[in-house]
PDB file of N, CA and C in Angstrom:
ATOM      1  N   MET A   1     214.052 -19.219 165.075  1.00  0.00           N
ATOM      2  CA  MET A   1     213.831 -18.567 164.028  1.00  0.00           C
ATOM      3  C   MET A   1     215.008 -17.685 163.217  1.00  0.00           C
ATOM      4  N   ASN A   2     214.918 -17.671 162.132  1.00  0.00           N
ATOM      5  CA  ASN A   2     215.925 -17.119 161.408  1.00  0.00           C
ATOM      6  C   ASN A   2     215.524 -16.116 160.553  1.00  0.00           C
ATOM      7  N   VAL A   3     216.495 -14.895 161.119  1.00  0.00           N
ATOM      8  CA  VAL A   3     216.230 -13.396 160.105  1.00  0.00           C
ATOM      9  C   VAL A   3     217.038 -13.248 159.184  1.00  0.00           C
ATOM     10  N   CYS A   4     216.728 -12.379 158.706  1.00  0.00           N
ATOM     11  CA  CYS A   4     217.340 -11.565 157.583  1.00  0.00           C
ATOM     12  C   CYS A   4     217.339 -10.060 158.030  1.00  0.00           C
ATOM     13  N   TYR A   5     218.020  -9.693 158.343  1.00  0.00           N
ATOM     14  CA  TYR A   5     218.256  -8.053 159.067  1.00  0.00           C
ATOM     15  C   TYR A   5     218.807  -7.127 157.975  1.00  0.00           C
ATOM     16  N   MET A   6     218.816  -6.011 158.397  1.00  0.00           N
ATOM     17  CA  MET A   6     219.043  -4.708 157.603  1.00  0.00           C
ATOM     18  C   MET A   6     219.589  -3.399 158.689  1.00  0.00           C
ATOM     19  N   LEU A   7     220.565  -3.049 158.994  1.00  0.00           N
ATOM     20  CA  LEU A   7     220.725  -1.850 160.105  1.00  0.00           C
ATOM     21  C   LEU A   7     221.239  -0.833 159.039  1.00  0.00           C
ATOM     22  N   ARG A   8     221.082   0.128 159.931  1.00  0.00           N
ATOM     23  CA  ARG A   8     221.576   1.418 159.343  1.00  0.00           C
ATOM     24  C   ARG A   8     222.553   1.575 160.023  1.00  0.00           C
ATOM     25  N   CYS A   9     223.788   1.917 159.853  1.00  0.00           N
ATOM     26  CA  CYS A   9     224.981   2.544 160.186  1.00  0.00           C
ATOM     27  C   CYS A   9     224.986   4.185 160.835  1.00  0.00           C
ATOM     28  N   ALA A  10     225.741   4.613 162.046  1.00  0.00           N
ATOM     29  CA  ALA A  10     225.888   5.685 161.793  1.00  0.00           C
ATOM     30  C   ALA A  10     226.205   6.441 161.087  1.00  0.00           C
ATOM     31  N   ASP A  11     226.589   6.183 160.075  1.00  0.00           N
ATOM     32  CA  ASP A  11     227.238   6.970 158.754  1.00  0.00           C
ATOM     33  C   ASP A  11     226.186   7.053 157.743  1.00  0.00           C
ATOM     34  N   GLY A  12     225.061   6.144 158.083  1.00  0.00           N
ATOM     35  CA  GLY A  12     224.091   6.471 157.316  1.00  0.00           C
ATOM     36  C   GLY A  12     224.323   4.982 155.947  1.00  0.00           C
ATOM     37  N   SER A  13     225.059   4.399 156.436  1.00  0.00           N
ATOM     38  CA  SER A  13     224.927   2.977 155.423  1.00  0.00           C
ATOM     39  C   SER A  13     224.113   2.026 155.886  1.00  0.00           C
ATOM     40  N   LEU A  14     223.938   1.269 154.730  1.00  0.00           N
ATOM     41  CA  LEU A  14     223.027  -0.027 155.066  1.00  0.00           C
ATOM     42  C   LEU A  14     224.132  -1.506 155.691  1.00  0.00           C
ATOM     43  N   TYR A  15     223.985  -2.137 156.240  1.00  0.00           N
ATOM     44  CA  TYR A  15     224.680  -3.517 156.529  1.00  0.00           C
ATOM     45  C   TYR A  15     223.264  -4.463 156.784  1.00  0.00           C
ATOM     46  N   THR A  16     223.583  -5.759 155.773  1.00  0.00           N
ATOM     47  CA  THR A  16     222.557  -6.641 155.833  1.00  0.00           C
ATOM     48  C   THR A  16     223.603  -7.817 156.488  1.00  0.00           C
ATOM     49  N   GLY A  17     222.393  -8.576 157.155  1.00  0.00           N
ATOM     50  CA  GLY A  17     223.090  -9.825 157.350  1.00  0.00           C
ATOM     51  C   GLY A  17     221.997 -11.000 158.010  1.00  0.00           C
ATOM     52  N   TRP A  18     222.347 -12.159 158.596  1.00  0.00           N
ATOM     53  CA  TRP A  18     221.132 -12.970 158.990  1.00  0.00           C
ATOM     54  C   TRP A  18     221.449 -13.445 160.371  1.00  0.00           C
ATOM     55  N   THR A  19     220.790 -14.192 161.196  1.00  0.00           N
ATOM     56  CA  THR A  19     221.135 -14.748 162.343  1.00  0.00           C
ATOM     57  C   THR A  19     219.968 -15.334 162.889  1.00  0.00           C
ATOM     58  N   ASN A  20     220.473 -16.701 164.222  1.00  0.00           N
ATOM     59  CA  ASN A  20     219.322 -16.908 164.770  1.00  0.00           C
ATOM     60  C   ASN A  20     219.254 -16.314 165.972  1.00  0.00           C
ATOM     61  N   ASP A  21     219.215 -15.218 166.427  1.00  0.00           N
ATOM     62  CA  ASP A  21     219.640 -14.824 167.572  1.00  0.00           C
ATOM     63  C   ASP A  21     219.350 -12.994 167.113  1.00  0.00           C
ATOM     64  N   LEU A  22     218.203 -12.593 166.929  1.00  0.00           N
ATOM     65  CA  LEU A  22     218.394 -11.474 166.528  1.00  0.00           C
ATOM     66  C   LEU A  22     218.771 -10.190 167.468  1.00  0.00           C
ATOM     67  N   GLU A  23     218.563 -10.243 168.657  1.00  0.00           N
ATOM     68  CA  GLU A  23     218.844  -9.490 169.819  1.00  0.00           C
ATOM     69  C   GLU A  23     220.260  -9.844 170.272  1.00  0.00           C
ATOM     70  N   GLY A  24     220.696 -10.852 170.304  1.00  0.00           N
ATOM     71  CA  GLY A  24     221.774 -11.100 170.548  1.00  0.00           C
ATOM     72  C   GLY A  24     223.090 -10.524 169.419  1.00  0.00           C
ATOM     73  N   ARG A  25     222.499 -10.240 168.391  1.00  0.00           N
ATOM     74  CA  ARG A  25     223.041 -10.138 167.046  1.00  0.00           C
ATOM     75  C   ARG A  25     223.458  -8.758 167.123  1.00  0.00           C
ATOM     76  N   LEU A  26     221.881  -8.208 167.212  1.00  0.00           N
ATOM     77  CA  LEU A  26     222.578  -6.210 167.332  1.00  0.00           C
ATOM     78  C   LEU A  26     223.002  -5.977 168.712  1.00  0.00           C
ATOM     79  N   ARG A  27     222.967  -6.674 169.804  1.00  0.00           N
ATOM     80  CA  ARG A  27     223.519  -6.498 170.953  1.00  0.00           C
ATOM     81  C   ARG A  27     225.274  -6.215 170.366  1.00  0.00           C
ATOM     82  N   ALA A  28     225.715  -7.720 169.742  1.00  0.00           N
ATOM     83  CA  ALA A  28     226.765  -7.452 169.045  1.00  0.00           C
ATOM     84  C   ALA A  28     227.773  -6.518 168.432  1.00  0.00           C
ATOM     85  N   HIS A  29     227.041  -6.323 167.517  1.00  0.00           N
ATOM     86  CA  HIS A  29     227.072  -5.111 166.422  1.00  0.00           C
ATOM     87  C   HIS A  29     227.073  -3.926 167.446  1.00  0.00           C
ATOM     88  N   ASN A  30     226.615  -3.661 168.094  1.00  0.00           N
ATOM     89  CA  ASN A  30     226.737  -2.526 168.968  1.00  0.00           C
ATOM     90  C   ASN A  30     227.740  -2.134 169.861  1.00  0.00           C
ATOM     91  N   GLU A  31     228.103  -3.180 170.413  1.00  0.00           N
ATOM     92  CA  GLU A  31     229.370  -3.994 171.351  1.00  0.00           C
ATOM     93  C   GLU A  31     231.171  -3.755 170.465  1.00  0.00           C
ATOM     94  N   GLY A  32     230.606  -3.668 169.363  1.00  0.00           N
ATOM     95  CA  GLY A  32     231.844  -3.854 168.355  1.00  0.00           C
ATOM     96  C   GLY A  32     232.335  -4.813 167.906  1.00  0.00           C
ATOM     97  N   ARG A  33     231.801  -6.232 168.401  1.00  0.00           N
ATOM     98  CA  ARG A  33     231.881  -7.572 168.112  1.00  0.00           C
ATOM     99  C   ARG A  33     231.148  -8.293 166.840  1.00  0.00           C
ATOM    100  N   GLY A  34     230.203  -7.357 166.234  1.00  0.00           N
ATOM    101  CA  GLY A  34     229.563  -7.901 165.462  1.00  0.00           C
ATOM    102  C   GLY A  34     230.394  -7.886 163.852  1.00  0.00           C
ATOM    103  N   GLY A  35     229.929  -7.663 162.832  1.00  0.00           N
ATOM    104  CA  GLY A  35     230.468  -7.451 161.530  1.00  0.00           C
ATOM    105  C   GLY A  35     231.828  -6.445 161.687  1.00  0.00           C
ATOM    106  N   LYS A  36     232.925  -6.898 160.913  1.00  0.00           N
ATOM    107  CA  LYS A  36     233.700  -5.864 160.696  1.00  0.00           C
ATOM    108  C   LYS A  36     233.616  -4.590 160.222  1.00  0.00           C
ATOM    109  N   TYR A  37     232.643  -4.510 159.603  1.00  0.00           N
ATOM    110  CA  TYR A  37     231.728  -3.384 158.315  1.00  0.00           C
ATOM    111  C   TYR A  37     231.413  -2.144 159.426  1.00  0.00           C
ATOM    112  N   THR A  38     230.613  -3.207 160.673  1.00  0.00           N
ATOM    113  CA  THR A  38     229.850  -2.280 161.666  1.00  0.00           C
ATOM    114  C   THR A  38     230.927  -1.675 162.840  1.00  0.00           C
ATOM    115  N   ARG A  39     231.724  -2.419 163.149  1.00  0.00           N
ATOM    116  CA  ARG A  39     232.883  -2.183 164.050  1.00  0.00           C
ATOM    117  C   ARG A  39     233.033  -0.703 164.038  1.00  0.00           C
ATOM    118  N   SER A  40     233.163  -0.019 162.850  1.00  0.00           N
ATOM    119  CA  SER A  40     233.894   1.058 163.190  1.00  0.00           C
ATOM    120  C   SER A  40     232.616   2.682 162.481  1.00  0.00           C
ATOM    121  N   ARG A  41     231.491   1.736 162.487  1.00  0.00           N
ATOM    122  CA  ARG A  41     230.161   2.423 162.225  1.00  0.00           C
ATOM    123  C   ARG A  41     229.181   2.700 163.092  1.00  0.00           C
ATOM    124  N   ARG A  42     229.818   2.540 164.260  1.00  0.00           N
ATOM    125  CA  ARG A  42     228.529   2.265 165.458  1.00  0.00           C
ATOM    126  C   ARG A  42     227.866   3.300 165.916  1.00  0.00           C
ATOM    127  N   ALA A  43     226.677   3.575 166.160  1.00  0.00           N
ATOM    128  CA  ALA A  43     226.229   2.602 166.632  1.00  0.00           C
ATOM    129  C   ALA A  43     225.184   2.300 165.513  1.00  0.00           C
ATOM    130  N   VAL A  44     224.515   0.969 165.492  1.00  0.00           N
ATOM    131  CA  VAL A  44     223.867   0.924 164.284  1.00  0.00           C
ATOM    132  C   VAL A  44     221.797   0.650 164.757  1.00  0.00           C
ATOM    133  N   THR A  45     221.460   1.130 164.021  1.00  0.00           N
ATOM    134  CA  THR A  45     219.953   0.432 164.818  1.00  0.00           C
ATOM    135  C   THR A  45     219.241  -0.157 163.510  1.00  0.00           C
ATOM    136  N   LEU A  46     218.545  -1.002 163.893  1.00  0.00           N
ATOM    137  CA  LEU A  46     217.573  -2.626 163.173  1.00  0.00           C
ATOM    138  C   LEU A  46     216.155  -1.286 162.353  1.00  0.00           C
ATOM    139  N   VAL A  47     216.455  -1.442 160.641  1.00  0.00           N
ATOM    140  CA  VAL A  47     215.716  -1.199 160.275  1.00  0.00           C
ATOM    141  C   VAL A  47     214.560  -1.751 159.186  1.00  0.00           C
ATOM    142  N   HIS A  48     215.185  -3.020 159.059  1.00  0.00           N
ATOM    143  CA  HIS A  48     214.619  -3.941 158.348  1.00  0.00           C
ATOM    144  C   HIS A  48     214.207  -5.407 158.811  1.00  0.00           C
ATOM    145  N   ALA A  49     213.222  -6.272 159.013  1.00  0.00           N
ATOM    146  CA  ALA A  49     213.783  -7.695 159.229  1.00  0.00           C
ATOM    147  C   ALA A  49     212.787  -8.489 158.988  1.00  0.00           C
ATOM    148  N   GLU A  50     213.434  -9.457 158.113  1.00  0.00           N
ATOM    149  CA  GLU A  50     212.460 -10.967 158.001  1.00  0.00           C
ATOM    150  C   GLU A  50     212.684 -12.446 158.423  1.00  0.00           C
ATOM    151  N   THR A  51     211.524 -12.543 158.720  1.00  0.00           N
ATOM    152  CA  THR A  51     211.818 -14.024 159.384  1.00  0.00           C
ATOM    153  C   THR A  51     211.793 -15.475 158.656  1.00  0.00           C
ATOM    154  N   PHE A  52     212.552 -16.320 158.770  1.00  0.00           N
ATOM    155  CA  PHE A  52     212.253 -17.813 157.873  1.00  0.00           C
ATOM    156  C   PHE A  52     211.913 -18.748 158.660  1.00  0.00           C
ATOM    157  N   PRO A  53     211.567 -19.995 157.998  1.00  0.00           N
ATOM    158  CA  PRO A  53     211.560 -21.080 158.783  1.00  0.00           C
ATOM    159  C   PRO A  53     212.876 -21.768 159.184  1.00  0.00           C
ATOM    160  N   THR A  54     213.812 -21.707 157.687  1.00  0.00           N
ATOM    161  CA  THR A  54     215.383 -22.276 157.941  1.00  0.00           C
ATOM    162  C   THR A  54     216.297 -21.357 157.730  1.00  0.00           C
ATOM    163  N   LYS A  55     217.596 -21.826 157.849  1.00  0.00           N
ATOM    164  CA  LYS A  55     218.714 -20.780 157.929  1.00  0.00           C
ATOM    165  C   LYS A  55     218.862 -20.678 156.884  1.00  0.00           C
ATOM    166  N   GLU A  56     218.846 -21.577 155.796  1.00  0.00           N
ATOM    167  CA  GLU A  56     219.027 -21.363 154.511  1.00  0.00           C
ATOM    168  C   GLU A  56     218.375 -20.496 153.405  1.00  0.00           C
ATOM    169  N   GLU A  57     217.067 -20.614 153.946  1.00  0.00           N
ATOM    170  CA  GLU A  57     215.968 -19.661 152.980  1.00  0.00           C
ATOM    171  C   GLU A  57     216.605 -17.727 153.415  1.00  0.00           C
ATOM    172  N   ALA A  58     217.112 -17.581 155.181  1.00  0.00           N
ATOM    173  CA  ALA A  58     217.334 -16.671 155.759  1.00  0.00           C
ATOM    174  C   ALA A  58     218.631 -16.109 154.454  1.00  0.00           C
ATOM    175  N   MET A  59     219.487 -16.837 154.599  1.00  0.00           N
ATOM    176  CA  MET A  59     220.927 -16.809 154.215  1.00  0.00           C
ATOM    177  C   MET A  59     220.803 -16.413 152.461  1.00  0.00           C
ATOM    178  N   SER A  60     219.902 -17.051 151.722  1.00  0.00           N
ATOM    179  CA  SER A  60     219.827 -16.862 150.354  1.00  0.00           C
ATOM    180  C   SER A  60     219.302 -15.164 150.315  1.00  0.00           C
ATOM    181  N   ARG A  61     217.975 -14.768 151.489  1.00  0.00           N
ATOM    182  CA  ARG A  61     217.481 -13.449 150.951  1.00  0.00           C
ATOM    183  C   ARG A  61     218.661 -12.756 151.219  1.00  0.00           C
ATOM    184  N   GLU A  62     219.525 -12.951 152.520  1.00  0.00           N
ATOM    185  CA  GLU A  62     220.682 -12.123 152.702  1.00  0.00           C
ATOM    186  C   GLU A  62     221.586 -11.901 151.565  1.00  0.00           C
ATOM    187  N   TRP A  63     221.667 -13.034 150.469  1.00  0.00           N
ATOM    188  CA  TRP A  63     222.782 -12.676 149.635  1.00  0.00           C
ATOM    189  C   TRP A  63     222.029 -11.832 148.409  1.00  0.00           C
ATOM    190  N   HIS A  64     220.582 -12.327 147.931  1.00  0.00           N
ATOM    191  CA  HIS A  64     219.589 -11.189 147.453  1.00  0.00           C
ATOM    192  C   HIS A  64     219.703 -10.214 147.583  1.00  0.00           C
ATOM    193  N   ILE A  65     219.332  -9.445 148.967  1.00  0.00           N
ATOM    194  CA  ILE A  65     219.477  -8.032 149.289  1.00  0.00           C
ATOM    195  C   ILE A  65     220.887  -7.338 149.151  1.00  0.00           C
ATOM    196  N   LYS A  66     222.031  -8.248 149.157  1.00  0.00           N
ATOM    197  CA  LYS A  66     223.269  -7.734 149.285  1.00  0.00           C
ATOM    198  C   LYS A  66     223.903  -7.711 147.855  1.00  0.00           C
ATOM    199  N   ARG A  67     222.963  -8.170 146.849  1.00  0.00           N
ATOM    200  CA  ARG A  67     222.700  -7.548 145.107  1.00  0.00           C
ATOM    201  C   ARG A  67     222.101  -6.486 144.607  1.00  0.00           C
ATOM    202  N   LEU A  68     221.241  -5.961 145.444  1.00  0.00           N
ATOM    203  CA  LEU A  68     220.560  -4.884 145.229  1.00  0.00           C
ATOM    204  C   LEU A  68     221.138  -3.407 145.328  1.00  0.00           C
ATOM    205  N   THR A  69     220.211  -2.637 144.193  1.00  0.00           N
ATOM    206  CA  THR A  69     221.518  -0.959 144.414  1.00  0.00           C
ATOM    207  C   THR A  69     220.730  -0.284 145.833  1.00  0.00           C
ATOM    208  N   LYS A  70     222.069   0.493 146.167  1.00  0.00           N
ATOM    209  CA  LYS A  70     221.574   1.399 147.485  1.00  0.00           C
ATOM    210  C   LYS A  70     219.944   1.835 147.167  1.00  0.00           C
ATOM    211  N   ALA A  71     219.469   1.930 146.058  1.00  0.00           N
ATOM    212  CA  ALA A  71     218.558   3.183 145.980  1.00  0.00           C
ATOM    213  C   ALA A  71     217.409   1.892 145.972  1.00  0.00           C
ATOM    214  N   GLN A  72     217.600   0.024 145.685  1.00  0.00           N
ATOM    215  CA  GLN A  72     216.152  -0.474 145.872  1.00  0.00           C
ATOM    216  C   GLN A  72     216.704  -0.661 147.397  1.00  0.00           C
ATOM    217  N   LYS A  73     217.422  -0.840 147.645  1.00  0.00           N
ATOM    218  CA  LYS A  73     217.473  -1.037 149.424  1.00  0.00           C
ATOM    219  C   LYS A  73     216.709   0.005 150.092  1.00  0.00           C
ATOM    220  N   GLU A  74     217.101   1.257 150.116  1.00  0.00           N
ATOM    221  CA  GLU A  74     216.007   2.043 150.469  1.00  0.00           C
ATOM    222  C   GLU A  74     215.011   1.948 150.593  1.00  0.00           C
ATOM    223  N   ALA A  75     214.315   1.611 149.189  1.00  0.00           N
ATOM    224  CA  ALA A  75     213.255   1.261 148.914  1.00  0.00           C
ATOM    225  C   ALA A  75     212.650   0.255 149.980  1.00  0.00           C
ATOM    226  N   LEU A  76     213.297  -0.667 149.888  1.00  0.00           N
ATOM    227  CA  LEU A  76     213.112  -2.355 150.816  1.00  0.00           C
ATOM    228  C   LEU A  76     212.647  -1.621 152.267  1.00  0.00           C
ATOM    229  N   VAL A  77     213.457  -0.711 152.992  1.00  0.00           N
ATOM    230  CA  VAL A  77     213.841  -0.231 154.134  1.00  0.00           C
ATOM    231  C   VAL A  77     212.245   0.958 154.169  1.00  0.00           C
ATOM    232  N   SER A  78     212.046   1.539 153.315  1.00  0.00           N
ATOM    233  CA  SER A  78     210.711   2.542 153.358  1.00  0.00           C
ATOM    234  C   SER A  78     209.442   1.589 153.490  1.00  0.00           C
ATOM    235  N   GLY A  79     209.930   0.613 152.756  1.00  0.00           N
ATOM    236  CA  GLY A  79     208.462  -0.181 152.414  1.00  0.00           C
ATOM    237  C   GLY A  79     207.712   0.210 151.568  1.00  0.00           C
ATOM    238  N   GLU A  80     208.607   0.691 150.497  1.00  0.00           N
ATOM    239  CA  GLU A  80     207.775   1.090 148.922  1.00  0.00           C
ATOM    240  C   GLU A  80     208.090  -0.408 148.489  1.00  0.00           C
TER     241      GLU A  80
END
């Protein structure tokens, strides 16, 4: 399973990434071994996730989400 996910950092910011092991990736982020961005913004919580059959689709969705405005990302997280 390939997942595009969004995390809420302790400072309120959002982080977007993709993985094929969501539980392991969340653990890595919270242990300081995840992305450089989240290392200083722990703890993080999962706020949005979408699954895809291929790695390429998950990566593409990550790319598209990263280009959204903060307001658009917040709307996606809240389900609007």
